[in-house]
């Protein structure tokens, strides 16, 4: 279950490449990849750049003309798929990210 008070972090074994407003995410451990369209890419960017999933949702609600509950459902579905494929991790907001070496 995605908890909006938590935040997301990108695992160190995930590669991200952007092309023409879209993104491809590759899990180097499983060799599975996931393509994101422009909207999915914007949701990804908002999620990884915000202090919480709730803050990312608020930012996206300001950017797009969509009912907040509809956006919340789509956003949670995307995050759930990314977590299930090892492309994101959901952590409490008080847990620090591990710095990359």
PDB file of N, CA and C in Angstrom:
ATOM      1  N   UNK A   1       0.841  -1.188   0.000  1.00  0.00           N
ATOM      2  CA  UNK A   1       0.000   0.000   0.000  1.00  0.00           C
ATOM      3  C   UNK A   1       0.880   1.243   0.000  1.00  0.00           C
ATOM      4  N   UNK A   2       0.522   2.202  -0.813  1.00  0.00           N
ATOM      5  CA  UNK A   2       1.268   3.450  -0.900  1.00  0.00           C
ATOM      6  C   UNK A   2       0.731   4.406   0.155  1.00  0.00           C
ATOM      7  N   UNK A   3       1.611   4.855   1.032  1.00  0.00           N
ATOM      8  CA  UNK A   3       1.244   5.802   2.083  1.00  0.00           C
ATOM      9  C   UNK A   3       1.730   7.191   1.671  1.00  0.00           C
ATOM     10  N   UNK A   4       0.807   8.102   1.479  1.00  0.00           N
ATOM     11  CA  UNK A   4       1.141   9.418   0.943  1.00  0.00           C
ATOM     12  C   UNK A   4       1.955  10.276   1.907  1.00  0.00           C
ATOM     13  N   UNK A   5       2.025   9.905   3.175  1.00  0.00           N
ATOM     14  CA  UNK A   5       2.861  10.658   4.112  1.00  0.00           C
ATOM     15  C   UNK A   5       4.327  10.235   3.996  1.00  0.00           C
ATOM     16  N   UNK A   6       4.592   9.136   3.288  1.00  0.00           N
ATOM     17  CA  UNK A   6       5.963   8.677   3.061  1.00  0.00           C
ATOM     18  C   UNK A   6       6.540   9.361   1.824  1.00  0.00           C
ATOM     19  N   UNK A   7       7.778   9.038   1.508  1.00  0.00           N
ATOM     20  CA  UNK A   7       8.405   9.586   0.316  1.00  0.00           C
ATOM     21  C   UNK A   7       9.005   8.440  -0.478  1.00  0.00           C
ATOM     22  N   UNK A   8       9.416   8.744  -1.694  1.00  0.00           N
ATOM     23  CA  UNK A   8      10.031   7.718  -2.533  1.00  0.00           C
ATOM     24  C   UNK A   8      11.502   8.020  -2.736  1.00  0.00           C
ATOM     25  N   UNK A   9      12.274   6.959  -2.915  1.00  0.00           N
ATOM     26  CA  UNK A   9      13.681   7.082  -3.274  1.00  0.00           C
ATOM     27  C   UNK A   9      13.955   6.122  -4.427  1.00  0.00           C
ATOM     28  N   UNK A  10      14.924   6.503  -5.248  1.00  0.00           N
ATOM     29  CA  UNK A  10      15.313   5.670  -6.381  1.00  0.00           C
ATOM     30  C   UNK A  10      16.471   4.790  -5.928  1.00  0.00           C
ATOM     31  N   UNK A  11      16.324   3.480  -6.005  1.00  0.00           N
ATOM     32  CA  UNK A  11      17.429   2.600  -5.630  1.00  0.00           C
ATOM     33  C   UNK A  11      18.658   2.847  -6.511  1.00  0.00           C
ATOM     34  N   UNK A  12      19.826   2.581  -5.970  1.00  0.00           N
ATOM     35  CA  UNK A  12      21.076   2.839  -6.702  1.00  0.00           C
ATOM     36  C   UNK A  12      21.228   1.948  -7.932  1.00  0.00           C
ATOM     37  N   UNK A  13      20.487   0.850  -7.994  1.00  0.00           N
ATOM     38  CA  UNK A  13      20.592  -0.072  -9.123  1.00  0.00           C
ATOM     39  C   UNK A  13      19.575   0.234 -10.227  1.00  0.00           C
ATOM     40  N   UNK A  14      18.985   1.424 -10.205  1.00  0.00           N
ATOM     41  CA  UNK A  14      18.020   1.818 -11.229  1.00  0.00           C
ATOM     42  C   UNK A  14      18.617   2.917 -12.100  1.00  0.00           C
ATOM     43  N   UNK A  15      18.610   2.700 -13.391  1.00  0.00           N
ATOM     44  CA  UNK A  15      19.053   3.689 -14.378  1.00  0.00           C
ATOM     45  C   UNK A  15      17.828   4.370 -14.957  1.00  0.00           C
ATOM     46  N   UNK A  16      17.925   5.671 -15.170  1.00  0.00           N
ATOM     47  CA  UNK A  16      16.827   6.440 -15.753  1.00  0.00           C
ATOM     48  C   UNK A  16      17.367   7.209 -16.951  1.00  0.00           C
ATOM     49  N   UNK A  17      16.677   7.119 -18.071  1.00  0.00           N
ATOM     50  CA  UNK A  17      17.041   7.860 -19.265  1.00  0.00           C
ATOM     51  C   UNK A  17      15.808   8.594 -19.759  1.00  0.00           C
ATOM     52  N   UNK A  18      16.004   9.894 -20.084  1.00  0.00           N
ATOM     53  CA  UNK A  18      14.916  10.727 -20.593  1.00  0.00           C
ATOM     54  C   UNK A  18      15.104  10.958 -22.088  1.00  0.00           C
ATOM     55  N   UNK A  19      13.994  10.962 -22.821  1.00  0.00           N
ATOM     56  CA  UNK A  19      14.029  11.214 -24.249  1.00  0.00           C
ATOM     57  C   UNK A  19      12.708  11.824 -24.684  1.00  0.00           C
ATOM     58  N   UNK A  20      12.770  13.050 -25.170  1.00  0.00           N
ATOM     59  CA  UNK A  20      11.569  13.731 -25.674  1.00  0.00           C
ATOM     60  C   UNK A  20      10.416  13.754 -24.680  1.00  0.00           C
ATOM     61  N   UNK A  21      10.700  14.042 -23.421  1.00  0.00           N
ATOM     62  CA  UNK A  21       9.660  14.162 -22.412  1.00  0.00           C
ATOM     63  C   UNK A  21       9.197  12.852 -21.819  1.00  0.00           C
ATOM     64  N   UNK A  22       9.722  11.750 -22.304  1.00  0.00           N
ATOM     65  CA  UNK A  22       9.383  10.442 -21.762  1.00  0.00           C
ATOM     66  C   UNK A  22      10.601   9.867 -21.063  1.00  0.00           C
ATOM     67  N   UNK A  23      10.432   8.760 -20.358  1.00  0.00           N
ATOM     68  CA  UNK A  23      11.540   8.171 -19.616  1.00  0.00           C
ATOM     69  C   UNK A  23      11.493   6.654 -19.711  1.00  0.00           C
ATOM     70  N   UNK A  24      12.670   6.069 -19.609  1.00  0.00           N
ATOM     71  CA  UNK A  24      12.805   4.623 -19.503  1.00  0.00           C
ATOM     72  C   UNK A  24      13.563   4.343 -18.219  1.00  0.00           C
ATOM     73  N   UNK A  25      13.023   3.464 -17.389  1.00  0.00           N
ATOM     74  CA  UNK A  25      13.632   3.088 -16.125  1.00  0.00           C
ATOM     75  C   UNK A  25      14.101   1.646 -16.249  1.00  0.00           C
ATOM     76  N   UNK A  26      15.336   1.381 -15.849  1.00  0.00           N
ATOM     77  CA  UNK A  26      15.897   0.043 -15.951  1.00  0.00           C
ATOM     78  C   UNK A  26      16.406  -0.416 -14.598  1.00  0.00           C
ATOM     79  N   UNK A  27      15.903  -1.545 -14.145  1.00  0.00           N
ATOM     80  CA  UNK A  27      16.391  -2.174 -12.925  1.00  0.00           C
ATOM     81  C   UNK A  27      17.575  -3.043 -13.334  1.00  0.00           C
ATOM     82  N   UNK A  28      18.792  -2.650 -12.970  1.00  0.00           N
ATOM     83  CA  UNK A  28      19.995  -3.368 -13.376  1.00  0.00           C
ATOM     84  C   UNK A  28      20.106  -4.743 -12.737  1.00  0.00           C
ATOM     85  N   UNK A  29      19.451  -4.957 -11.615  1.00  0.00           N
ATOM     86  CA  UNK A  29      19.503  -6.260 -10.947  1.00  0.00           C
ATOM     87  C   UNK A  29      18.621  -7.296 -11.625  1.00  0.00           C
ATOM     88  N   UNK A  30      17.443  -6.885 -12.067  1.00  0.00           N
ATOM     89  CA  UNK A  30      16.510  -7.827 -12.688  1.00  0.00           C
ATOM     90  C   UNK A  30      16.488  -7.712 -14.207  1.00  0.00           C
ATOM     91  N   UNK A  31      17.088  -6.654 -14.727  1.00  0.00           N
ATOM     92  CA  UNK A  31      17.109  -6.337 -16.156  1.00  0.00           C
ATOM     93  C   UNK A  31      15.711  -6.066 -16.708  1.00  0.00           C
ATOM     94  N   UNK A  32      14.784  -5.730 -15.835  1.00  0.00           N
ATOM     95  CA  UNK A  32      13.441  -5.334 -16.260  1.00  0.00           C
ATOM     96  C   UNK A  32      13.445  -3.830 -16.490  1.00  0.00           C
ATOM     97  N   UNK A  33      12.702  -3.407 -17.509  1.00  0.00           N
ATOM     98  CA  UNK A  33      12.593  -1.981 -17.760  1.00  0.00           C
ATOM     99  C   UNK A  33      11.133  -1.571 -17.839  1.00  0.00           C
ATOM    100  N   UNK A  34      10.926  -0.273 -17.692  1.00  0.00           N
ATOM    101  CA  UNK A  34       9.582   0.274 -17.616  1.00  0.00           C
ATOM    102  C   UNK A  34       9.592   1.585 -18.384  1.00  0.00           C
ATOM    103  N   UNK A  35       8.730   1.738 -19.353  1.00  0.00           N
ATOM    104  CA  UNK A  35       8.620   2.978 -20.113  1.00  0.00           C
ATOM    105  C   UNK A  35       7.532   3.866 -19.551  1.00  0.00           C
ATOM    106  N   UNK A  36       7.830   5.156 -19.457  1.00  0.00           N
ATOM    107  CA  UNK A  36       6.851   6.123 -18.964  1.00  0.00           C
ATOM    108  C   UNK A  36       6.540   7.135 -20.061  1.00  0.00           C
ATOM    109  N   UNK A  37       5.250   7.404 -20.278  1.00  0.00           N
ATOM    110  CA  UNK A  37       4.869   8.464 -21.203  1.00  0.00           C
ATOM    111  C   UNK A  37       5.109   9.812 -20.521  1.00  0.00           C
ATOM    112  N   UNK A  38       4.718  10.900 -21.167  1.00  0.00           N
ATOM    113  CA  UNK A  38       4.979  12.226 -20.604  1.00  0.00           C
ATOM    114  C   UNK A  38       4.338  12.423 -19.237  1.00  0.00           C
ATOM    115  N   UNK A  39       3.099  11.979 -19.080  1.00  0.00           N
ATOM    116  CA  UNK A  39       2.420  12.142 -17.788  1.00  0.00           C
ATOM    117  C   UNK A  39       3.089  11.283 -16.723  1.00  0.00           C
ATOM    118  N   UNK A  40       3.404  10.044 -17.045  1.00  0.00           N
ATOM    119  CA  UNK A  40       4.089   9.170 -16.100  1.00  0.00           C
ATOM    120  C   UNK A  40       5.450   9.722 -15.719  1.00  0.00           C
ATOM    121  N   UNK A  41       6.155  10.289 -16.688  1.00  0.00           N
ATOM    122  CA  UNK A  41       7.459  10.889 -16.411  1.00  0.00           C
ATOM    123  C   UNK A  41       7.311  12.078 -15.475  1.00  0.00           C
ATOM    124  N   UNK A  42       6.292  12.891 -15.690  1.00  0.00           N
ATOM    125  CA  UNK A  42       6.077  14.043 -14.800  1.00  0.00           C
ATOM    126  C   UNK A  42       5.733  13.575 -13.399  1.00  0.00           C
ATOM    127  N   UNK A  43       4.942  12.514 -13.280  1.00  0.00           N
ATOM    128  CA  UNK A  43       4.626  11.970 -11.957  1.00  0.00           C
ATOM    129  C   UNK A  43       5.900  11.444 -11.285  1.00  0.00           C
ATOM    130  N   UNK A  44       6.733  10.754 -12.033  1.00  0.00           N
ATOM    131  CA  UNK A  44       8.022  10.245 -11.526  1.00  0.00           C
ATOM    132  C   UNK A  44       8.859  11.409 -10.992  1.00  0.00           C
ATOM    133  N   UNK A  45       9.019  12.444 -11.803  1.00  0.00           N
ATOM    134  CA  UNK A  45       9.838  13.594 -11.408  1.00  0.00           C
ATOM    135  C   UNK A  45       9.294  14.252 -10.150  1.00  0.00           C
ATOM    136  N   UNK A  46       7.981  14.414 -10.091  1.00  0.00           N
ATOM    137  CA  UNK A  46       7.369  15.038  -8.910  1.00  0.00           C
ATOM    138  C   UNK A  46       7.596  14.172  -7.678  1.00  0.00           C
ATOM    139  N   UNK A  47       7.429  12.866  -7.835  1.00  0.00           N
ATOM    140  CA  UNK A  47       7.575  11.951  -6.693  1.00  0.00           C
ATOM    141  C   UNK A  47       8.996  11.950  -6.148  1.00  0.00           C
ATOM    142  N   UNK A  48       9.988  11.874  -7.023  1.00  0.00           N
ATOM    143  CA  UNK A  48      11.367  11.785  -6.525  1.00  0.00           C
ATOM    144  C   UNK A  48      11.912  13.126  -6.066  1.00  0.00           C
ATOM    145  N   UNK A  49      11.255  14.213  -6.469  1.00  0.00           N
ATOM    146  CA  UNK A  49      11.736  15.535  -6.100  1.00  0.00           C
ATOM    147  C   UNK A  49      11.032  16.163  -4.908  1.00  0.00           C
ATOM    148  N   UNK A  50      10.072  15.475  -4.349  1.00  0.00           N
ATOM    149  CA  UNK A  50       9.271  16.048  -3.263  1.00  0.00           C
ATOM    150  C   UNK A  50       9.637  15.417  -1.921  1.00  0.00           C
ATOM    151  N   UNK A  51       9.398  16.146  -0.842  1.00  0.00           N
ATOM    152  CA  UNK A  51       9.694  15.600   0.486  1.00  0.00           C
ATOM    153  C   UNK A  51       8.724  14.502   0.920  1.00  0.00           C
ATOM    154  N   UNK A  52       7.581  14.396   0.237  1.00  0.00           N
ATOM    155  CA  UNK A  52       6.619  13.330   0.529  1.00  0.00           C
ATOM    156  C   UNK A  52       5.777  13.090  -0.714  1.00  0.00           C
ATOM    157  N   UNK A  53       5.131  11.948  -0.751  1.00  0.00           N
ATOM    158  CA  UNK A  53       4.238  11.647  -1.864  1.00  0.00           C
ATOM    159  C   UNK A  53       3.066  12.621  -1.859  1.00  0.00           C
ATOM    160  N   UNK A  54       2.613  12.992  -0.672  1.00  0.00           N
ATOM    161  CA  UNK A  54       1.514  13.966  -0.552  1.00  0.00           C
ATOM    162  C   UNK A  54       1.901  15.308  -1.164  1.00  0.00           C
ATOM    163  N   UNK A  55       3.128  15.757  -0.913  1.00  0.00           N
ATOM    164  CA  UNK A  55       3.606  17.027  -1.487  1.00  0.00           C
ATOM    165  C   UNK A  55       3.680  16.925  -3.005  1.00  0.00           C
ATOM    166  N   UNK A  56       4.125  15.788  -3.520  1.00  0.00           N
ATOM    167  CA  UNK A  56       4.176  15.580  -4.966  1.00  0.00           C
ATOM    168  C   UNK A  56       2.769  15.614  -5.550  1.00  0.00           C
ATOM    169  N   UNK A  57       1.823  14.970  -4.878  1.00  0.00           N
ATOM    170  CA  UNK A  57       0.428  14.978  -5.321  1.00  0.00           C
ATOM    171  C   UNK A  57      -0.105  16.401  -5.368  1.00  0.00           C
ATOM    172  N   UNK A  58       0.198  17.194  -4.347  1.00  0.00           N
ATOM    173  CA  UNK A  58      -0.248  18.586  -4.323  1.00  0.00           C
ATOM    174  C   UNK A  58       0.313  19.382  -5.488  1.00  0.00           C
ATOM    175  N   UNK A  59       1.578  19.184  -5.791  1.00  0.00           N
ATOM    176  CA  UNK A  59       2.225  19.875  -6.912  1.00  0.00           C
ATOM    177  C   UNK A  59       1.573  19.477  -8.229  1.00  0.00           C
ATOM    178  N   UNK A  60       1.334  18.186  -8.415  1.00  0.00           N
ATOM    179  CA  UNK A  60       0.706  17.715  -9.644  1.00  0.00           C
ATOM    180  C   UNK A  60      -0.729  18.229  -9.780  1.00  0.00           C
ATOM    181  N   UNK A  61      -1.444  18.319  -8.662  1.00  0.00           N
ATOM    182  CA  UNK A  61      -2.810  18.849  -8.679  1.00  0.00           C
ATOM    183  C   UNK A  61      -2.826  20.299  -9.141  1.00  0.00           C
ATOM    184  N   UNK A  62      -1.798  21.063  -8.752  1.00  0.00           N
ATOM    185  CA  UNK A  62      -1.688  22.461  -9.193  1.00  0.00           C
ATOM    186  C   UNK A  62      -1.356  22.553 -10.683  1.00  0.00           C
ATOM    187  N   UNK A  63      -0.605  21.611 -11.191  1.00  0.00           N
ATOM    188  CA  UNK A  63      -0.150  21.654 -12.583  1.00  0.00           C
ATOM    189  C   UNK A  63      -1.200  21.200 -13.586  1.00  0.00           C
ATOM    190  N   UNK A  64      -2.050  20.244 -13.201  1.00  0.00           N
ATOM    191  CA  UNK A  64      -2.973  19.631 -14.151  1.00  0.00           C
ATOM    192  C   UNK A  64      -4.422  19.853 -13.738  1.00  0.00           C
ATOM    193  N   UNK A  65      -5.275  20.010 -14.730  1.00  0.00           N
ATOM    194  CA  UNK A  65      -6.697  20.170 -14.479  1.00  0.00           C
ATOM    195  C   UNK A  65      -7.332  18.786 -14.356  1.00  0.00           C
ATOM    196  N   UNK A  66      -7.329  18.290 -13.138  1.00  0.00           N
ATOM    197  CA  UNK A  66      -7.873  16.966 -12.870  1.00  0.00           C
ATOM    198  C   UNK A  66      -8.374  16.954 -11.433  1.00  0.00           C
ATOM    199  N   UNK A  67      -9.400  16.166 -11.191  1.00  0.00           N
ATOM    200  CA  UNK A  67      -9.912  16.037  -9.830  1.00  0.00           C
ATOM    201  C   UNK A  67      -8.817  15.423  -8.949  1.00  0.00           C
ATOM    202  N   UNK A  68      -8.563  15.995  -7.775  1.00  0.00           N
ATOM    203  CA  UNK A  68      -7.510  15.470  -6.901  1.00  0.00           C
ATOM    204  C   UNK A  68      -7.635  13.983  -6.591  1.00  0.00           C
ATOM    205  N   UNK A  69      -8.853  13.481  -6.402  1.00  0.00           N
ATOM    206  CA  UNK A  69      -9.026  12.059  -6.093  1.00  0.00           C
ATOM    207  C   UNK A  69      -8.704  11.166  -7.290  1.00  0.00           C
ATOM    208  N   UNK A  70      -9.027  11.638  -8.483  1.00  0.00           N
ATOM    209  CA  UNK A  70      -8.702  10.878  -9.696  1.00  0.00           C
ATOM    210  C   UNK A  70      -7.185  10.809  -9.856  1.00  0.00           C
ATOM    211  N   UNK A  71      -6.535  11.962  -9.708  1.00  0.00           N
ATOM    212  CA  UNK A  71      -5.078  12.003  -9.795  1.00  0.00           C
ATOM    213  C   UNK A  71      -4.439  11.127  -8.725  1.00  0.00           C
ATOM    214  N   UNK A  72      -4.966  11.186  -7.523  1.00  0.00           N
ATOM    215  CA  UNK A  72      -4.432  10.378  -6.422  1.00  0.00           C
ATOM    216  C   UNK A  72      -4.452   8.889  -6.765  1.00  0.00           C
ATOM    217  N   UNK A  73      -5.542   8.429  -7.341  1.00  0.00           N
ATOM    218  CA  UNK A  73      -5.657   7.026  -7.717  1.00  0.00           C
ATOM    219  C   UNK A  73      -4.658   6.634  -8.790  1.00  0.00           C
ATOM    220  N   UNK A  74      -4.539   7.461  -9.832  1.00  0.00           N
ATOM    221  CA  UNK A  74      -3.587   7.174 -10.905  1.00  0.00           C
ATOM    222  C   UNK A  74      -2.147   7.238 -10.402  1.00  0.00           C
ATOM    223  N   UNK A  75      -1.862   8.208  -9.562  1.00  0.00           N
ATOM    224  CA  UNK A  75      -0.521   8.378  -9.000  1.00  0.00           C
ATOM    225  C   UNK A  75      -0.167   7.176  -8.127  1.00  0.00           C
ATOM    226  N   UNK A  76      -1.072   6.763  -7.276  1.00  0.00           N
ATOM    227  CA  UNK A  76      -0.831   5.600  -6.408  1.00  0.00           C
ATOM    228  C   UNK A  76      -0.627   4.336  -7.241  1.00  0.00           C
ATOM    229  N   UNK A  77      -1.418   4.170  -8.309  1.00  0.00           N
ATOM    230  CA  UNK A  77      -1.263   3.000  -9.180  1.00  0.00           C
ATOM    231  C   UNK A  77       0.122   2.972  -9.827  1.00  0.00           C
ATOM    232  N   UNK A  78       0.561   4.111 -10.338  1.00  0.00           N
ATOM    233  CA  UNK A  78       1.887   4.181 -10.955  1.00  0.00           C
ATOM    234  C   UNK A  78       2.970   3.862  -9.943  1.00  0.00           C
ATOM    235  N   UNK A  79       2.905   4.491  -8.782  1.00  0.00           N
ATOM    236  CA  UNK A  79       3.919   4.247  -7.754  1.00  0.00           C
ATOM    237  C   UNK A  79       3.927   2.782  -7.332  1.00  0.00           C
ATOM    238  N   UNK A  80       2.761   2.189  -7.201  1.00  0.00           N
ATOM    239  CA  UNK A  80       2.655   0.784  -6.818  1.00  0.00           C
ATOM    240  C   UNK A  80       3.351  -0.110  -7.855  1.00  0.00           C
ATOM    241  N   UNK A  81       3.129   0.160  -9.128  1.00  0.00           N
ATOM    242  CA  UNK A  81       3.766  -0.622 -10.187  1.00  0.00           C
ATOM    243  C   UNK A  81       5.284  -0.459 -10.158  1.00  0.00           C
ATOM    244  N   UNK A  82       5.736   0.764  -9.927  1.00  0.00           N
ATOM    245  CA  UNK A  82       7.176   1.018  -9.891  1.00  0.00           C
ATOM    246  C   UNK A  82       7.829   0.336  -8.694  1.00  0.00           C
ATOM    247  N   UNK A  83       7.159   0.349  -7.567  1.00  0.00           N
ATOM    248  CA  UNK A  83       7.677  -0.330  -6.370  1.00  0.00           C
ATOM    249  C   UNK A  83       7.709  -1.841  -6.613  1.00  0.00           C
ATOM    250  N   UNK A  84       6.648  -2.392  -7.181  1.00  0.00           N
ATOM    251  CA  UNK A  84       6.583  -3.837  -7.441  1.00  0.00           C
ATOM    252  C   UNK A  84       7.685  -4.301  -8.389  1.00  0.00           C
ATOM    253  N   UNK A  85       8.127  -3.419  -9.275  1.00  0.00           N
ATOM    254  CA  UNK A  85       9.181  -3.760 -10.226  1.00  0.00           C
ATOM    255  C   UNK A  85      10.566  -3.340  -9.746  1.00  0.00           C
ATOM    256  N   UNK A  86      10.671  -2.910  -8.487  1.00  0.00           N
ATOM    257  CA  UNK A  86      11.959  -2.555  -7.914  1.00  0.00           C
ATOM    258  C   UNK A  86      12.553  -1.274  -8.451  1.00  0.00           C
ATOM    259  N   UNK A  87      11.716  -0.397  -8.996  1.00  0.00           N
ATOM    260  CA  UNK A  87      12.203   0.844  -9.587  1.00  0.00           C
ATOM    261  C   UNK A  87      12.099   2.032  -8.649  1.00  0.00           C
ATOM    262  N   UNK A  88      11.376   1.881  -7.575  1.00  0.00           N
ATOM    263  CA  UNK A  88      11.250   2.890  -6.515  1.00  0.00           C
ATOM    264  C   UNK A  88      11.130   2.163  -5.191  1.00  0.00           C
ATOM    265  N   UNK A  89      11.493   2.876  -4.137  1.00  0.00           N
ATOM    266  CA  UNK A  89      11.261   2.391  -2.782  1.00  0.00           C
ATOM    267  C   UNK A  89      10.489   3.467  -2.034  1.00  0.00           C
ATOM    268  N   UNK A  90       9.538   3.062  -1.223  1.00  0.00           N
ATOM    269  CA  UNK A  90       8.772   3.985  -0.391  1.00  0.00           C
ATOM    270  C   UNK A  90       9.320   3.874   1.025  1.00  0.00           C
ATOM    271  N   UNK A  91       9.706   5.019   1.582  1.00  0.00           N
ATOM    272  CA  UNK A  91      10.286   5.051   2.927  1.00  0.00           C
ATOM    273  C   UNK A  91       9.606   6.151   3.739  1.00  0.00           C
ATOM    274  N   UNK A  92       9.604   6.022   5.072  1.00  0.00           N
ATOM    275  CA  UNK A  92       9.085   7.115   5.900  1.00  0.00           C
ATOM    276  C   UNK A  92       9.881   8.398   5.639  1.00  0.00           C
ATOM    277  N   UNK A  93       9.245   9.518   5.820  1.00  0.00           N
ATOM    278  CA  UNK A  93       9.908  10.790   5.536  1.00  0.00           C
ATOM    279  C   UNK A  93      11.071  11.069   6.469  1.00  0.00           C
ATOM    280  N   UNK A  94      11.141  10.404   7.607  1.00  0.00           N
ATOM    281  CA  UNK A  94      12.238  10.662   8.542  1.00  0.00           C
ATOM    282  C   UNK A  94      13.447   9.747   8.315  1.00  0.00           C
ATOM    283  N   UNK A  95      13.418   8.921   7.243  1.00  0.00           N
ATOM    284  CA  UNK A  95      14.548   8.045   6.928  1.00  0.00           C
ATOM    285  C   UNK A  95      15.395   8.728   5.872  1.00  0.00           C
ATOM    286  N   UNK A  96      16.672   8.890   6.163  1.00  0.00           N
ATOM    287  CA  UNK A  96      17.589   9.553   5.233  1.00  0.00           C
ATOM    288  C   UNK A  96      17.919   8.624   4.073  1.00  0.00           C
ATOM    289  N   UNK A  97      18.181   9.219   2.925  1.00  0.00           N
ATOM    290  CA  UNK A  97      18.630   8.451   1.767  1.00  0.00           C
ATOM    291  C   UNK A  97      20.074   8.070   1.946  1.00  0.00           C
ATOM    292  N   UNK A  98      20.446   6.941   1.402  1.00  0.00           N
ATOM    293  CA  UNK A  98      21.833   6.508   1.432  1.00  0.00           C
ATOM    294  C   UNK A  98      22.561   7.253   0.314  1.00  0.00           C
ATOM    295  N   UNK A  99      23.628   7.983   0.637  1.00  0.00           N
ATOM    296  CA  UNK A  99      24.320   8.730  -0.408  1.00  0.00           C
ATOM    297  C   UNK A  99      25.004   7.782  -1.387  1.00  0.00           C
ATOM    298  N   UNK A 100      25.015   8.194  -2.670  1.00  0.00           N
ATOM    299  CA  UNK A 100      25.682   7.388  -3.682  1.00  0.00           C
ATOM    300  C   UNK A 100      27.182   7.595  -3.581  1.00  0.00           C
ATOM    301  N   UNK A 101      27.918   6.552  -3.886  1.00  0.00           N
ATOM    302  CA  UNK A 101      29.397   6.624  -3.842  1.00  0.00           C
ATOM    303  C   UNK A 101      29.926   6.841  -5.220  1.00  0.00           C
TER     304      UNK A 101
END
